[in-house]
Amino acid sequence: MKQGTLITRIIILVLFLGIAAYFGVYVWSSLSSGITTTTAYSYTAERKVTSTGWFFRDETVLEDTSELAEVLRADGEAVAVDDTVARIYSSDEGYAVQKQLDEAQANLSSLKYILSRTSESADTIALDDDIADAFAGLHSSVSSGDLSDLDTDADELRGLIFRRDYTYNGTDSLQTQIEEAQARVDALSAQSSSAYTPVNAPAAGLFSSAVDGLETTMTTAALEGLTPSGLDSLSAQSSGTPSGSIGKIITSPGWHFSCNLTEQEAGDLYAGASVTLRFRDAARSFPATVKRVSDPEDGRVNVTFYSADYASQVVALREQEVTIVTETATGFRVPKRAVRVNQDESLDSVGQLGVYRVSGAQAKWVPVDIIWEEDDFYLVTQAYDYETDENGKTTQVTQSEFDKANNLRAGDTIIVRGENIYNGKVVTD
């Protein structure tokens, strides 16, 4: 073997052993450092209590002893005084005639609308696109269960189809259709003149088809001086849908909700406090204000809330399980052990709270503010620097692009535990 070849092999072996030793020390150091990490993620914490209570409103029941009634209003729909909310038919034949008349009047209205738009361009391609869009919108509404604008959407589609037909048949054909439709409306009107008796709203308000027998019991006047035992007494009174009613008109401008809580549960509640209410049978949350907290009675208080958010979901509710949210906070959720006091004198924030996030393979110090505390975690937000000008106005110091890149973000790897952690330390997560 040549001497040069032997020396080369020795050098390669030494280099290999050196590299292996380096990685071995690196791996051993990483494993023995005891570094534990976690992922920071956005989280919303709430302070809340749950109870069961009742809605209190001013309501007028619409009486009806007939078995053949047609309600014309949707739950939660606003009505004015003397607006027709239902029809009471004298016979099945009268009902059938009225249905034909309603259809004929809708057809006549559509034709007159088209005639009023004859000066507009009759672009059949554009009309075809509009009809396709109207079909898609109608299908989407029906699929989602949102039927609040069904009549309007259907009328719009009908009108577009009529306009499409007009582009082929011309104005003369349209005028003839209007005359025929008017004649049919006149004939059916004569037949239906005594087909039904209208039920009109006695006052302005919101219509609701739900009648439970507590309309004269759980009124806004009953809330005056209400106590926990008083609410128990009211809720124990008989309820149930009374016979001979087709709905009611809610005349109060907003709704009240009253429930009993323990003194401890009501500790964060006071008159004027803003809260969020979530009801078991409603699909969303409602902002409300605490109107009154009663004096304690055997360790309980009665709390009454008020809201003007009158969604259609509310008008049919009476007894409900409610979640009362008194406070919320949104931040990054991190274990308590991840939050440290900075002792690195090379940084400007000595003594400030913060966390170490892993950036690349280095630990980076991020100052934070604690906004919420639970038994095993904090909610934190990025802590920013502020400055005060000569007028005493305090503003946030503008961050450099480098500082922004080091801000805390959802998904960051946070060091929970580790020995001798400092800003810039090489770590492995």
Protein backbone atom coordinates (compact mmCIF):
# COMPACT_ATOMS: atom_id res chain seq x y z
CA MET A 1 0.00 0.00 0.00
CA LYS A 2 1.33 3.39 -0.91
CA GLN A 3 2.10 5.80 1.93
CA GLY A 4 -0.04 8.58 0.38
CA THR A 5 -3.10 6.36 0.25
CA LEU A 6 -2.70 5.37 3.94
CA ILE A 7 -2.42 9.03 5.05
CA THR A 8 -5.51 9.93 3.05
CA ARG A 9 -7.52 7.16 4.70
CA ILE A 10 -6.34 8.23 8.15
CA ILE A 11 -7.37 11.83 7.48
CA ILE A 12 -10.81 10.70 6.25
CA LEU A 13 -11.25 8.52 9.34
CA VAL A 14 -10.29 11.39 11.65
CA LEU A 15 -12.74 13.70 9.92
CA PHE A 16 -15.52 11.12 10.14
CA LEU A 17 -14.89 10.56 13.87
CA GLY A 18 -14.84 14.33 14.46
CA ILE A 19 -18.16 14.86 12.66
CA ALA A 20 -19.71 11.89 14.48
CA ALA A 21 -18.49 13.25 17.82
CA TYR A 22 -19.94 16.72 17.00
CA PHE A 23 -23.38 15.36 16.17
CA GLY A 24 -23.24 13.03 19.17
CA VAL A 25 -22.55 15.92 21.53
CA TYR A 26 -25.29 17.99 19.82
CA VAL A 27 -27.89 15.22 20.14
CA TRP A 28 -26.88 14.49 23.74
CA SER A 29 -27.09 18.17 24.61
CA SER A 30 -30.54 18.44 23.04
CA LEU A 31 -31.84 15.33 24.79
CA SER A 32 -30.37 16.29 28.14
CA SER A 33 -31.53 19.91 27.99
CA GLY A 34 -35.05 18.83 29.00
CA ILE A 35 -36.73 21.32 26.66
CA THR A 36 -40.49 20.90 26.37
CA THR A 37 -42.54 22.87 23.85
CA THR A 38 -46.17 23.45 22.97
CA THR A 39 -48.14 25.25 20.28
CA ALA A 40 -49.75 28.62 20.95
CA TYR A 41 -53.24 28.95 19.52
CA SER A 42 -55.98 31.55 19.57
CA TYR A 43 -58.60 30.90 22.23
CA THR A 44 -61.62 32.72 23.62
CA ALA A 45 -62.33 32.34 27.32
CA GLU A 46 -65.66 33.20 28.91
CA ARG A 47 -66.99 33.82 32.36
CA LYS A 48 -70.53 32.45 32.33
CA VAL A 49 -73.33 30.89 34.34
CA THR A 50 -76.31 28.77 33.29
CA SER A 51 -79.87 28.96 34.54
CA THR A 52 -83.50 28.55 33.44
CA GLY A 53 -85.78 31.55 33.06
CA TRP A 54 -88.78 32.99 31.27
CA PHE A 55 -89.49 35.65 28.66
CA PHE A 56 -91.72 38.54 29.73
CA ARG A 57 -93.51 40.61 27.07
CA ASP A 58 -96.68 42.64 26.53
CA GLU A 59 -98.86 40.58 24.19
CA THR A 60 -102.39 40.62 22.82
CA VAL A 61 -103.92 37.28 21.82
CA LEU A 62 -105.91 37.13 18.58
CA GLU A 63 -109.06 35.15 19.29
CA ASP A 64 -110.58 32.75 16.75
CA THR A 65 -113.26 30.07 17.11
CA SER A 66 -113.20 28.95 13.48
CA GLU A 67 -111.47 25.81 12.25
CA LEU A 68 -110.81 27.30 8.80
CA ALA A 69 -108.27 30.10 9.27
CA GLU A 70 -105.33 31.22 7.15
CA VAL A 71 -102.46 33.08 8.83
CA LEU A 72 -100.89 35.63 6.50
CA ARG A 73 -97.94 36.78 8.63
CA ALA A 74 -94.68 35.06 9.52
CA ASP A 75 -93.37 34.81 13.08
CA GLY A 76 -91.51 37.99 13.95
CA GLU A 77 -93.04 40.00 11.10
CA ALA A 78 -93.86 43.61 11.94
CA VAL A 79 -97.47 44.72 11.53
CA ALA A 80 -99.19 48.08 11.82
CA VAL A 81 -102.52 48.84 13.46
CA ASP A 82 -105.41 47.31 11.47
CA ASP A 83 -103.08 45.30 9.20
CA THR A 84 -104.70 42.02 8.18
CA VAL A 85 -102.84 39.16 9.84
CA ALA A 86 -105.26 36.31 9.07
CA ARG A 87 -108.43 35.34 7.24
CA ILE A 88 -111.34 33.37 8.68
CA TYR A 89 -113.16 31.49 5.90
CA SER A 90 -116.84 30.61 5.98
CA SER A 91 -116.36 27.48 3.83
CA ASP A 92 -113.87 25.38 1.93
CA GLU A 93 -115.27 26.76 -1.31
CA GLY A 94 -114.59 30.30 -0.18
CA TYR A 95 -111.02 29.37 0.65
CA ALA A 96 -110.49 27.83 -2.81
CA VAL A 97 -111.89 30.94 -4.55
CA GLN A 98 -109.65 33.24 -2.51
CA LYS A 99 -106.56 31.20 -3.41
CA GLN A 100 -107.43 31.54 -7.09
CA LEU A 101 -107.92 35.28 -6.62
CA ASP A 102 -104.55 35.68 -4.89
CA GLU A 103 -102.83 33.89 -7.76
CA ALA A 104 -104.66 35.94 -10.37
CA GLN A 105 -103.78 39.22 -8.64
CA ALA A 106 -100.11 38.21 -8.45
CA ASN A 107 -100.18 37.38 -12.16
CA LEU A 108 -101.78 40.71 -13.01
CA SER A 109 -99.22 42.64 -10.96
CA SER A 110 -96.36 40.89 -12.74
CA LEU A 111 -97.81 41.69 -16.16
CA LYS A 112 -98.29 45.37 -15.31
CA TYR A 113 -94.73 45.52 -14.02
CA ILE A 114 -93.42 44.09 -17.28
CA LEU A 115 -95.45 46.58 -19.29
CA SER A 116 -93.94 49.45 -17.29
CA ARG A 117 -90.47 48.22 -18.26
CA THR A 118 -91.03 47.83 -22.01
CA SER A 119 -88.77 50.78 -22.77
CA GLU A 120 -85.81 48.83 -21.40
CA SER A 121 -83.58 46.77 -23.61
CA ALA A 122 -84.98 43.30 -24.26
CA ASP A 123 -81.65 41.51 -24.37
CA THR A 124 -82.63 37.83 -24.32
CA ILE A 125 -79.14 36.68 -23.37
CA ALA A 126 -79.08 39.02 -20.38
CA LEU A 127 -82.58 37.89 -19.39
CA ASP A 128 -81.53 34.24 -19.59
CA ASP A 129 -78.61 35.01 -17.25
CA ASP A 130 -80.91 36.85 -14.84
CA ILE A 131 -83.38 33.95 -14.84
CA ALA A 132 -80.58 31.46 -14.15
CA ASP A 133 -79.32 33.65 -11.27
CA ALA A 134 -82.85 33.94 -9.86
CA PHE A 135 -83.29 30.15 -10.01
CA ALA A 136 -79.95 29.66 -8.25
CA GLY A 137 -80.84 32.18 -5.54
CA LEU A 138 -84.24 30.59 -4.96
CA HIS A 139 -82.68 27.12 -4.75
CA SER A 140 -80.05 28.36 -2.29
CA SER A 141 -82.68 29.94 -0.02
CA VAL A 142 -84.83 26.82 0.02
CA SER A 143 -81.82 24.55 0.62
CA SER A 144 -80.65 26.65 3.57
CA GLY A 145 -84.14 26.79 5.08
CA ASP A 146 -84.27 30.61 4.82
CA LEU A 147 -87.77 31.28 3.53
CA SER A 148 -88.05 34.86 4.80
CA ASP A 149 -87.83 36.32 1.25
CA LEU A 150 -89.48 33.43 -0.58
CA ASP A 151 -92.44 35.45 -1.86
CA THR A 152 -90.21 38.27 -3.11
CA ASP A 153 -87.78 35.88 -4.80
CA ALA A 154 -90.63 33.96 -6.45
CA ASP A 155 -92.24 37.19 -7.73
CA GLU A 156 -88.90 38.32 -9.15
CA LEU A 157 -88.46 35.03 -11.00
CA ARG A 158 -92.01 35.14 -12.32
CA GLY A 159 -91.44 38.68 -13.58
CA LEU A 160 -88.24 37.73 -15.37
CA ILE A 161 -89.97 34.81 -17.08
CA PHE A 162 -92.76 37.11 -18.22
CA ARG A 163 -90.21 39.57 -19.60
CA ARG A 164 -88.51 36.73 -21.47
CA ASP A 165 -91.85 35.75 -23.01
CA TYR A 166 -92.51 39.39 -23.94
CA THR A 167 -89.32 39.56 -26.04
CA TYR A 168 -90.87 36.97 -28.40
CA ASN A 169 -94.53 38.02 -28.42
CA GLY A 170 -94.26 41.80 -28.29
CA THR A 171 -96.26 44.55 -26.54
CA ASP A 172 -99.60 43.68 -28.19
CA SER A 173 -99.49 40.17 -26.75
CA LEU A 174 -98.62 41.56 -23.32
CA GLN A 175 -101.49 44.04 -23.36
CA THR A 176 -103.89 41.24 -24.29
CA GLN A 177 -102.64 39.14 -21.36
CA ILE A 178 -103.19 42.07 -18.98
CA GLU A 179 -106.78 42.53 -20.15
CA GLU A 180 -107.48 38.82 -19.72
CA ALA A 181 -105.86 38.78 -16.27
CA GLN A 182 -107.87 41.84 -15.17
CA ALA A 183 -111.10 40.21 -16.27
CA ARG A 184 -110.28 37.08 -14.28
CA VAL A 185 -109.45 39.16 -11.17
CA ASP A 186 -112.77 41.03 -11.47
CA ALA A 187 -114.75 37.82 -11.79
CA LEU A 188 -113.05 36.13 -8.83
CA SER A 189 -113.36 39.28 -6.70
CA ALA A 190 -117.11 39.21 -7.14
CA GLN A 191 -117.21 35.56 -5.99
CA SER A 192 -114.93 36.11 -2.99
CA SER A 193 -116.53 39.27 -1.61
CA SER A 194 -117.96 37.33 1.34
CA ALA A 195 -115.57 34.39 1.33
CA TYR A 196 -113.72 35.39 4.51
CA THR A 197 -113.61 37.70 7.49
CA PRO A 198 -110.28 39.48 8.05
CA VAL A 199 -108.49 39.39 11.41
CA ASN A 200 -106.75 42.73 11.89
CA ALA A 201 -103.97 43.69 14.28
CA PRO A 202 -105.39 45.62 17.27
CA ALA A 203 -102.05 47.37 17.76
CA ALA A 204 -98.69 47.77 16.09
CA GLY A 205 -96.09 45.16 16.97
CA LEU A 206 -94.72 41.77 15.96
CA PHE A 207 -96.81 38.76 15.02
CA SER A 208 -96.24 35.39 16.68
CA SER A 209 -98.19 32.22 16.09
CA ALA A 210 -97.11 30.76 19.47
CA VAL A 211 -99.74 31.17 22.18
CA ASP A 212 -98.96 29.47 25.51
CA GLY A 213 -101.53 30.84 27.96
CA LEU A 214 -99.02 33.01 29.86
CA GLU A 215 -99.62 36.15 27.79
CA THR A 216 -101.51 37.84 30.64
CA THR A 217 -99.21 36.47 33.35
CA MET A 218 -95.65 37.12 32.22
CA THR A 219 -96.02 40.78 31.31
CA THR A 220 -93.59 43.64 31.78
CA ALA A 221 -95.73 44.92 34.67
CA ALA A 222 -95.21 41.60 36.49
CA LEU A 223 -91.47 42.30 36.63
CA GLU A 224 -91.92 45.17 39.04
CA GLY A 225 -90.35 44.17 42.36
CA LEU A 226 -90.05 40.53 41.23
CA THR A 227 -88.32 38.23 43.75
CA PRO A 228 -86.95 34.69 43.37
CA SER A 229 -90.02 33.22 45.05
CA GLY A 230 -92.24 35.49 42.94
CA LEU A 231 -90.75 34.08 39.74
CA ASP A 232 -91.22 30.56 41.09
CA SER A 233 -94.88 31.34 41.69
CA LEU A 234 -95.44 32.82 38.23
CA SER A 235 -93.74 29.93 36.46
CA ALA A 236 -95.84 27.42 38.39
CA GLN A 237 -99.06 28.83 36.95
CA SER A 238 -100.77 26.76 34.31
CA SER A 239 -99.82 27.29 30.71
CA GLY A 240 -100.68 25.67 27.42
CA THR A 241 -102.12 26.66 24.09
CA PRO A 242 -105.63 27.96 24.72
CA SER A 243 -108.36 27.00 22.30
CA GLY A 244 -109.71 29.59 19.92
CA SER A 245 -106.56 31.57 19.09
CA ILE A 246 -104.55 32.03 15.89
CA GLY A 247 -101.61 33.93 17.32
CA LYS A 248 -100.74 37.12 19.12
CA ILE A 249 -99.32 40.60 18.63
CA ILE A 250 -96.27 41.46 20.74
CA THR A 251 -96.59 45.15 21.55
CA SER A 252 -93.60 45.72 23.84
CA PRO A 253 -90.65 47.34 22.01
CA GLY A 254 -88.18 44.79 23.36
CA TRP A 255 -88.16 41.64 25.43
CA HIS A 256 -87.30 40.91 29.05
CA PHE A 257 -85.87 37.66 30.35
CA SER A 258 -85.91 36.86 34.06
CA CYS A 259 -84.21 34.05 35.96
CA ASN A 260 -83.02 33.16 39.47
CA LEU A 261 -79.34 32.80 40.35
CA THR A 262 -77.39 32.19 43.51
CA GLU A 263 -75.70 35.22 45.03
CA GLN A 264 -72.34 33.82 43.98
CA GLU A 265 -73.46 33.25 40.37
CA ALA A 266 -74.77 36.81 40.19
CA GLY A 267 -71.57 38.30 41.60
CA ASP A 268 -70.60 39.94 38.28
CA LEU A 269 -74.10 41.25 37.52
CA TYR A 270 -75.43 44.72 38.30
CA ALA A 271 -78.00 47.08 36.80
CA GLY A 272 -76.66 48.45 33.53
CA ALA A 273 -74.12 45.67 32.92
CA SER A 274 -73.83 44.41 29.36
CA VAL A 275 -74.00 40.64 28.85
CA THR A 276 -74.52 38.09 26.11
CA LEU A 277 -77.39 35.59 26.36
CA ARG A 278 -77.50 32.23 24.62
CA PHE A 279 -80.77 30.32 24.63
CA ARG A 280 -81.15 26.59 24.19
CA ASP A 281 -83.64 26.89 21.32
CA ALA A 282 -82.12 29.89 19.50
CA ALA A 283 -79.41 29.57 16.89
CA ARG A 284 -77.40 32.64 17.90
CA SER A 285 -76.40 34.87 20.79
CA PHE A 286 -78.21 38.03 21.88
CA PRO A 287 -76.71 41.18 23.45
CA ALA A 288 -78.65 42.27 26.54
CA THR A 289 -78.49 44.65 29.49
CA VAL A 290 -79.10 43.83 33.13
CA LYS A 291 -82.20 45.82 34.17
CA ARG A 292 -82.46 44.77 37.78
CA VAL A 293 -80.94 42.50 40.42
CA SER A 294 -83.28 41.86 43.33
CA ASP A 295 -82.36 41.74 46.99
CA PRO A 296 -81.15 38.32 48.18
CA GLU A 297 -83.75 35.81 49.31
CA ASP A 298 -82.51 32.60 50.91
CA GLY A 299 -79.22 32.86 49.04
CA ARG A 300 -80.85 33.59 45.67
CA VAL A 301 -81.48 36.72 43.63
CA ASN A 302 -83.77 37.42 40.70
CA VAL A 303 -82.07 38.96 37.67
CA THR A 304 -83.95 40.59 34.80
CA PHE A 305 -82.36 41.29 31.42
CA TYR A 306 -83.58 43.48 28.56
CA SER A 307 -82.83 43.39 24.83
CA ALA A 308 -84.25 45.10 21.77
CA ASP A 309 -82.80 42.40 19.47
CA TYR A 310 -86.11 40.94 18.32
CA ALA A 311 -85.15 38.08 16.00
CA SER A 312 -87.90 35.80 14.73
CA GLN A 313 -86.39 33.03 16.88
CA VAL A 314 -87.29 34.88 20.07
CA VAL A 315 -90.98 35.61 19.57
CA ALA A 316 -92.01 31.98 20.10
CA LEU A 317 -89.88 31.35 23.20
CA ARG A 318 -91.07 31.40 26.82
CA GLU A 319 -89.27 29.07 29.22
CA GLN A 320 -85.64 28.66 28.24
CA GLU A 321 -82.34 27.38 29.52
CA VAL A 322 -79.95 30.31 29.22
CA THR A 323 -76.19 30.78 29.34
CA ILE A 324 -75.26 34.21 30.65
CA VAL A 325 -71.84 35.35 29.42
CA THR A 326 -70.55 38.20 31.58
CA GLU A 327 -66.99 38.53 30.28
CA THR A 328 -64.92 37.30 27.34
CA ALA A 329 -61.29 37.56 26.33
CA THR A 330 -59.45 36.34 23.24
CA GLY A 331 -55.71 35.72 23.15
CA PHE A 332 -53.06 33.05 22.76
CA ARG A 333 -53.50 30.13 25.11
CA VAL A 334 -50.22 28.99 26.68
CA PRO A 335 -49.42 26.87 29.77
CA LYS A 336 -48.62 28.88 32.88
CA ARG A 337 -45.09 27.47 33.00
CA ALA A 338 -44.38 28.99 29.59
CA VAL A 339 -44.70 32.54 30.92
CA ARG A 340 -41.46 33.82 32.48
CA VAL A 341 -39.94 36.98 33.93
CA ASN A 342 -37.18 38.24 31.67
CA GLN A 343 -33.77 38.27 33.40
CA ASP A 344 -31.64 38.72 30.29
CA GLU A 345 -29.88 42.05 30.74
CA SER A 346 -28.98 42.13 27.05
CA LEU A 347 -32.64 42.90 26.34
CA ASP A 348 -34.48 46.13 27.13
CA SER A 349 -37.37 44.37 28.86
CA VAL A 350 -35.70 43.12 32.04
CA GLY A 351 -38.35 42.19 34.60
CA GLN A 352 -41.11 42.03 31.98
CA LEU A 353 -43.30 38.99 31.42
CA GLY A 354 -42.85 37.05 28.22
CA VAL A 355 -42.45 33.70 26.49
CA TYR A 356 -39.77 32.10 24.38
CA ARG A 357 -40.91 31.15 20.90
CA VAL A 358 -38.84 28.88 18.68
CA SER A 359 -37.81 30.67 15.50
CA GLY A 360 -35.83 28.43 13.20
CA ALA A 361 -33.56 26.68 15.69
CA GLN A 362 -33.32 29.58 18.15
CA ALA A 363 -35.21 30.72 21.21
CA LYS A 364 -36.64 34.23 20.72
CA TRP A 365 -37.93 36.31 23.60
CA VAL A 366 -41.42 37.76 23.11
CA PRO A 367 -42.86 40.13 25.77
CA VAL A 368 -46.52 39.45 26.57
CA ASP A 369 -49.40 40.75 28.67
CA ILE A 370 -51.62 38.33 30.60
CA ILE A 371 -55.30 39.06 29.92
CA TRP A 372 -56.92 35.95 31.41
CA GLU A 373 -55.99 33.31 33.96
CA GLU A 374 -57.33 29.83 34.54
CA ASP A 375 -56.02 27.02 36.75
CA ASP A 376 -53.59 25.65 34.16
CA PHE A 377 -53.18 28.29 31.45
CA TYR A 378 -52.95 31.98 30.65
CA LEU A 379 -54.37 33.93 27.75
CA VAL A 380 -51.68 36.33 26.58
CA THR A 381 -51.33 39.02 23.95
CA GLN A 382 -48.28 40.64 22.41
CA ALA A 383 -46.89 43.41 24.64
CA TYR A 384 -46.01 46.56 22.74
CA ASP A 385 -43.86 49.57 23.63
CA TYR A 386 -45.55 52.93 24.16
CA GLU A 387 -44.27 56.49 24.27
CA THR A 388 -45.71 59.72 25.66
CA ASP A 389 -45.33 63.02 23.81
CA GLU A 390 -45.01 66.49 25.33
CA ASN A 391 -48.80 66.81 25.49
CA GLY A 392 -49.14 63.66 27.57
CA LYS A 393 -50.63 61.63 24.73
CA THR A 394 -49.58 57.97 24.76
CA THR A 395 -49.14 56.12 21.47
CA GLN A 396 -47.77 52.75 20.47
CA VAL A 397 -44.22 52.78 19.18
CA THR A 398 -44.09 51.85 15.52
CA GLN A 399 -42.48 48.46 15.08
CA SER A 400 -39.78 47.72 12.55
CA GLU A 401 -40.32 44.96 10.02
CA PHE A 402 -37.85 42.82 11.98
CA ASP A 403 -39.83 43.31 15.22
CA LYS A 404 -43.09 42.48 13.44
CA ALA A 405 -41.57 39.24 12.17
CA ASN A 406 -40.85 38.23 15.78
CA ASN A 407 -44.37 38.95 17.05
CA LEU A 408 -46.33 36.12 18.62
CA ARG A 409 -48.65 34.31 16.21
CA ALA A 410 -51.09 31.42 16.33
CA GLY A 411 -49.22 28.20 15.61
CA ASP A 412 -45.92 29.36 17.10
CA THR A 413 -43.88 26.80 19.03
CA ILE A 414 -43.52 27.98 22.64
CA ILE A 415 -40.94 26.69 25.12
CA VAL A 416 -42.68 25.44 28.25
CA ARG A 417 -39.72 24.03 30.15
CA GLY A 418 -35.95 24.07 29.74
CA GLU A 419 -32.74 24.90 31.56
CA ASN A 420 -30.65 27.98 30.84
CA ILE A 421 -32.94 29.34 28.13
CA TYR A 422 -31.93 32.72 26.78
CA ASN A 423 -32.64 34.88 23.73
CA GLY A 424 -30.84 33.43 20.72
CA LYS A 425 -30.08 30.02 22.26
CA VAL A 426 -29.97 27.20 19.74
CA VAL A 427 -32.68 24.70 20.61
CA THR A 428 -34.55 21.83 19.06
CA ASP A 429 -38.25 21.42 19.67
